[in-house]
N, C-alpha and C. Protein backbone atom coordinates (compact mmCIF):
# COMPACT_ATOMS: atom_id res chain seq x y z
N MET A 1 -4.64 6.44 14.52
CA MET A 1 -5.75 5.38 13.77
C MET A 1 -5.35 4.27 13.03
N ARG A 2 -5.55 2.71 13.76
CA ARG A 2 -4.80 1.18 13.03
C ARG A 2 -5.92 1.58 11.37
N VAL A 3 -4.19 1.12 10.68
CA VAL A 3 -5.05 0.60 9.14
C VAL A 3 -4.09 -1.08 9.37
N ARG A 4 -4.73 -1.17 8.58
CA ARG A 4 -4.00 -3.02 7.99
C ARG A 4 -3.20 -2.71 6.57
N VAL A 5 -2.35 -3.37 6.09
CA VAL A 5 -1.59 -3.35 5.25
C VAL A 5 -1.54 -4.57 4.45
N ARG A 6 -1.18 -4.80 2.97
CA ARG A 6 -1.70 -5.89 3.12
C ARG A 6 -0.59 -5.71 1.41
N PHE A 7 0.41 -6.48 1.39
CA PHE A 7 1.77 -6.33 0.12
C PHE A 7 1.38 -7.96 -0.69
N PHE A 8 1.31 -7.49 -2.00
CA PHE A 8 1.30 -8.71 -3.11
C PHE A 8 2.60 -8.89 -4.00
N ALA A 9 2.47 -10.47 -4.30
CA ALA A 9 3.66 -10.01 -5.67
C ALA A 9 5.21 -9.93 -5.12
N SER A 10 5.53 -9.68 -6.18
CA SER A 10 7.20 -9.47 -5.97
C SER A 10 7.45 -8.18 -4.70
N LEU A 11 6.23 -7.52 -4.02
CA LEU A 11 6.11 -6.62 -3.47
C LEU A 11 6.22 -7.54 -1.53
N ARG A 12 5.76 -8.24 -1.88
CA ARG A 12 5.90 -9.35 -0.82
C ARG A 12 7.41 -9.66 -0.22
N GLU A 13 7.70 -9.83 -0.98
CA GLU A 13 9.67 -10.35 -1.20
C GLU A 13 10.55 -9.23 -0.91
N THR A 14 9.82 -8.01 -1.81
CA THR A 14 10.52 -6.63 -1.26
C THR A 14 10.52 -6.04 0.19
N VAL A 15 9.75 -6.39 0.18
CA VAL A 15 9.24 -5.63 2.01
C VAL A 15 9.42 -6.86 3.10
N GLY A 16 9.45 -7.60 2.76
CA GLY A 16 9.37 -9.09 3.43
C GLY A 16 8.85 -9.25 4.28
N ALA A 17 7.58 -8.72 4.37
CA ALA A 17 6.19 -9.13 4.68
C ALA A 17 4.89 -9.51 3.70
N ALA A 18 3.65 -10.19 4.54
CA ALA A 18 2.91 -9.96 3.16
C ALA A 18 1.86 -9.42 3.75
N GLY A 19 2.02 -8.66 5.40
CA GLY A 19 0.90 -7.40 5.95
C GLY A 19 1.47 -7.31 6.90
N ARG A 20 0.68 -5.75 7.23
CA ARG A 20 0.90 -5.55 8.63
C ARG A 20 -0.03 -4.58 9.21
N GLU A 21 0.38 -3.92 10.42
CA GLU A 21 -0.94 -3.28 11.15
C GLU A 21 0.62 -1.85 11.32
N VAL A 22 -0.49 -0.27 11.12
CA VAL A 22 0.30 0.52 11.43
C VAL A 22 -0.88 1.60 12.23
N GLU A 23 -0.44 2.07 13.10
CA GLU A 23 -0.79 2.88 13.25
C GLU A 23 -0.20 5.03 12.89
N ALA A 24 -1.10 5.55 12.22
CA ALA A 24 -1.17 6.93 12.06
C ALA A 24 -1.88 7.71 12.21
N ASP A 25 -1.85 8.46 12.06
CA ASP A 25 -2.50 10.15 12.29
C ASP A 25 -3.35 10.55 11.39
N GLY A 26 -4.28 11.17 11.75
CA GLY A 26 -5.28 11.27 11.01
C GLY A 26 -5.11 12.24 9.81
N GLY A 27 -5.62 12.00 9.15
CA GLY A 27 -5.38 13.07 7.64
C GLY A 27 -4.23 12.12 6.71
N ALA A 28 -3.90 10.97 7.22
CA ALA A 28 -2.83 9.85 6.66
C ALA A 28 -3.50 9.55 4.76
N THR A 29 -2.42 9.74 4.28
CA THR A 29 -2.90 8.73 2.91
C THR A 29 -2.24 8.26 2.39
N VAL A 30 -2.51 7.33 1.42
CA VAL A 30 -1.92 6.07 1.02
C VAL A 30 -0.51 6.17 0.98
N ARG A 31 0.02 6.79 0.59
CA ARG A 31 1.73 7.21 0.67
C ARG A 31 2.44 7.21 2.07
N THR A 32 1.47 8.02 3.02
CA THR A 32 1.92 7.69 4.58
C THR A 32 1.61 6.35 4.73
N ILE A 33 0.66 5.28 4.46
CA ILE A 33 0.92 4.27 5.13
C ILE A 33 2.16 3.49 4.44
N TRP A 34 2.50 3.59 3.32
CA TRP A 34 3.46 3.16 2.80
C TRP A 34 4.51 3.21 3.23
N ASP A 35 4.47 4.70 3.46
CA ASP A 35 6.12 5.26 4.22
C ASP A 35 5.97 4.40 5.75
N LEU A 36 5.17 4.02 6.13
CA LEU A 36 4.88 3.38 7.16
C LEU A 36 5.33 2.04 7.51
N ALA A 37 4.85 1.19 6.62
CA ALA A 37 4.66 -0.22 6.75
C ALA A 37 6.09 -0.59 5.85
N THR A 38 6.88 0.35 4.97
CA THR A 38 8.19 0.15 4.44
C THR A 38 9.27 1.28 5.02
N ASP A 39 9.33 1.11 6.12
CA ASP A 39 10.32 2.36 6.40
C ASP A 39 10.59 3.39 6.16
N GLY A 40 9.44 3.68 5.30
CA GLY A 40 10.83 5.01 4.29
C GLY A 40 10.98 4.69 2.86
N ARG A 41 10.73 3.33 2.62
CA ARG A 41 11.42 2.66 1.16
C ARG A 41 10.78 3.84 -0.16
N GLU A 42 11.75 4.31 -1.14
CA GLU A 42 10.37 4.56 -2.21
C GLU A 42 9.55 3.12 -3.07
N PRO A 43 8.68 3.86 -3.13
CA PRO A 43 7.89 2.61 -3.91
C PRO A 43 8.08 2.85 -5.03
N PRO A 44 7.82 1.92 -5.73
CA PRO A 44 8.49 1.57 -7.22
C PRO A 44 7.54 2.53 -8.30
N SER A 45 7.88 2.56 -9.40
CA SER A 45 7.63 3.35 -10.10
C SER A 45 5.79 2.88 -10.56
N ARG A 46 4.88 3.31 -10.85
CA ARG A 46 3.38 2.35 -11.27
C ARG A 46 2.89 1.53 -10.01
N LEU A 47 3.87 2.29 -8.45
CA LEU A 47 2.35 0.85 -7.64
C LEU A 47 0.93 1.32 -7.48
N LEU A 48 0.42 0.48 -7.76
CA LEU A 48 -0.97 0.21 -7.41
C LEU A 48 -1.10 -0.39 -6.10
N ALA A 49 -2.28 0.26 -5.63
CA ALA A 49 -3.12 0.75 -4.47
C ALA A 49 -4.58 0.67 -4.39
N SER A 50 -4.72 -0.05 -3.10
CA SER A 50 -6.45 -0.26 -3.02
C SER A 50 -6.73 0.70 -1.90
N ILE A 51 -8.09 0.48 -1.28
CA ILE A 51 -8.42 0.92 -0.01
C ILE A 51 -9.38 -0.17 0.01
N ASN A 52 -9.84 -1.01 1.13
CA ASN A 52 -10.89 -1.52 1.09
C ASN A 52 -11.31 -1.96 -0.31
N LEU A 53 -10.64 -2.91 -0.72
CA LEU A 53 -10.58 -3.23 -2.32
C LEU A 53 -11.13 -2.12 -3.45
N ASP A 54 -10.80 -0.93 -2.96
CA ASP A 54 -10.98 -0.23 -4.64
C ASP A 54 -9.91 0.27 -4.47
N TYR A 55 -9.75 0.75 -5.82
CA TYR A 55 -8.27 1.45 -6.71
C TYR A 55 -8.30 2.63 -6.51
N ALA A 56 -7.09 3.20 -5.72
CA ALA A 56 -6.66 4.23 -4.98
C ALA A 56 -5.20 5.27 -5.51
N ASP A 57 -5.30 6.49 -5.53
CA ASP A 57 -4.15 7.10 -5.39
C ASP A 57 -3.66 7.34 -4.59
N LEU A 58 -1.85 7.19 -4.78
CA LEU A 58 -1.11 7.91 -3.07
C LEU A 58 -1.61 8.70 -2.29
N ASP A 59 -2.35 9.72 -3.54
CA ASP A 59 -2.56 10.67 -2.35
C ASP A 59 -4.17 10.78 -1.93
N ASP A 60 -5.13 9.85 -1.89
CA ASP A 60 -6.35 9.24 -1.08
C ASP A 60 -6.48 9.56 0.03
N PRO A 61 -6.97 9.71 0.93
CA PRO A 61 -7.25 9.99 2.35
C PRO A 61 -7.61 8.68 3.16
N VAL A 62 -7.39 8.16 3.51
CA VAL A 62 -7.38 6.82 4.68
C VAL A 62 -7.23 6.90 6.30
N GLY A 63 -8.73 6.00 6.34
CA GLY A 63 -9.62 6.26 7.92
C GLY A 63 -9.10 5.04 8.77
N GLU A 64 -9.86 5.48 9.56
CA GLU A 64 -9.70 4.05 10.66
C GLU A 64 -10.24 3.07 10.18
N GLY A 65 -9.66 2.00 10.36
CA GLY A 65 -9.66 0.56 10.33
C GLY A 65 -9.53 0.23 8.36
N ASP A 66 -9.51 1.61 7.89
CA ASP A 66 -9.25 1.16 6.56
C ASP A 66 -8.07 -0.52 6.23
N GLU A 67 -8.41 -1.14 4.95
CA GLU A 67 -6.91 -1.62 4.77
C GLU A 67 -6.62 -1.68 3.62
N VAL A 68 -5.36 -1.45 3.37
CA VAL A 68 -4.88 -0.58 2.51
C VAL A 68 -3.98 -2.12 1.59
N ALA A 69 -4.07 -1.78 0.62
CA ALA A 69 -3.23 -3.19 -0.31
C ALA A 69 -2.41 -2.54 -1.70
N PHE A 70 -1.21 -2.71 -1.43
CA PHE A 70 -0.31 -2.41 -2.69
C PHE A 70 -0.07 -3.98 -3.30
N PHE A 71 -0.19 -3.01 -4.87
CA PHE A 71 1.11 -4.03 -5.99
C PHE A 71 1.52 -3.80 -6.28
N PRO A 72 2.68 -4.62 -6.71
CA PRO A 72 3.37 -3.80 -8.52
C PRO A 72 3.00 -3.59 -9.43
N PRO A 73 3.43 -3.08 -10.15
CA PRO A 73 3.27 -2.72 -11.61
C PRO A 73 2.73 -4.47 -12.42
N VAL A 74 1.82 -4.43 -12.96
CA VAL A 74 1.14 -4.99 -14.13
C VAL A 74 1.71 -5.24 -15.44
N THR A 75 2.59 -6.26 -15.73
CA THR A 75 2.92 -6.03 -17.43
C THR A 75 2.79 -7.05 -18.12
N GLY A 76 1.94 -7.27 -19.17
CA GLY A 76 1.55 -8.23 -20.03
C GLY A 76 1.92 -7.56 -21.61
N GLY A 77 1.15 -7.93 -22.60
CA GLY A 77 1.23 -7.87 -23.74
C GLY A 77 0.50 -8.72 -24.50
N GLU A 78 0.11 -8.69 -25.73
CA GLU A 78 -0.05 -10.28 -26.95
C GLU A 78 0.39 -10.87 -26.44
N ARG A 79 -0.25 -11.97 -27.19
CA ARG A 79 0.28 -13.42 -27.47
C ARG A 79 0.53 -13.63 -29.07
């Protein structure tokens, strides 16, 4: 199955691309897509992900034609 992958913020620089398309077997998870799109790079702790604009966990299943997006951890605090 074909999946579109997008990387945001610092992940774009780390991975060296804003997006990619990957081929995955049925039963792929968000983690599988991360591994395929980054050549097995270890994901950052607290990595955020979404499937078709809905937040997702790394073990959530991915389907044909889905868009999986990855975001670095967000930090912030009170001013």
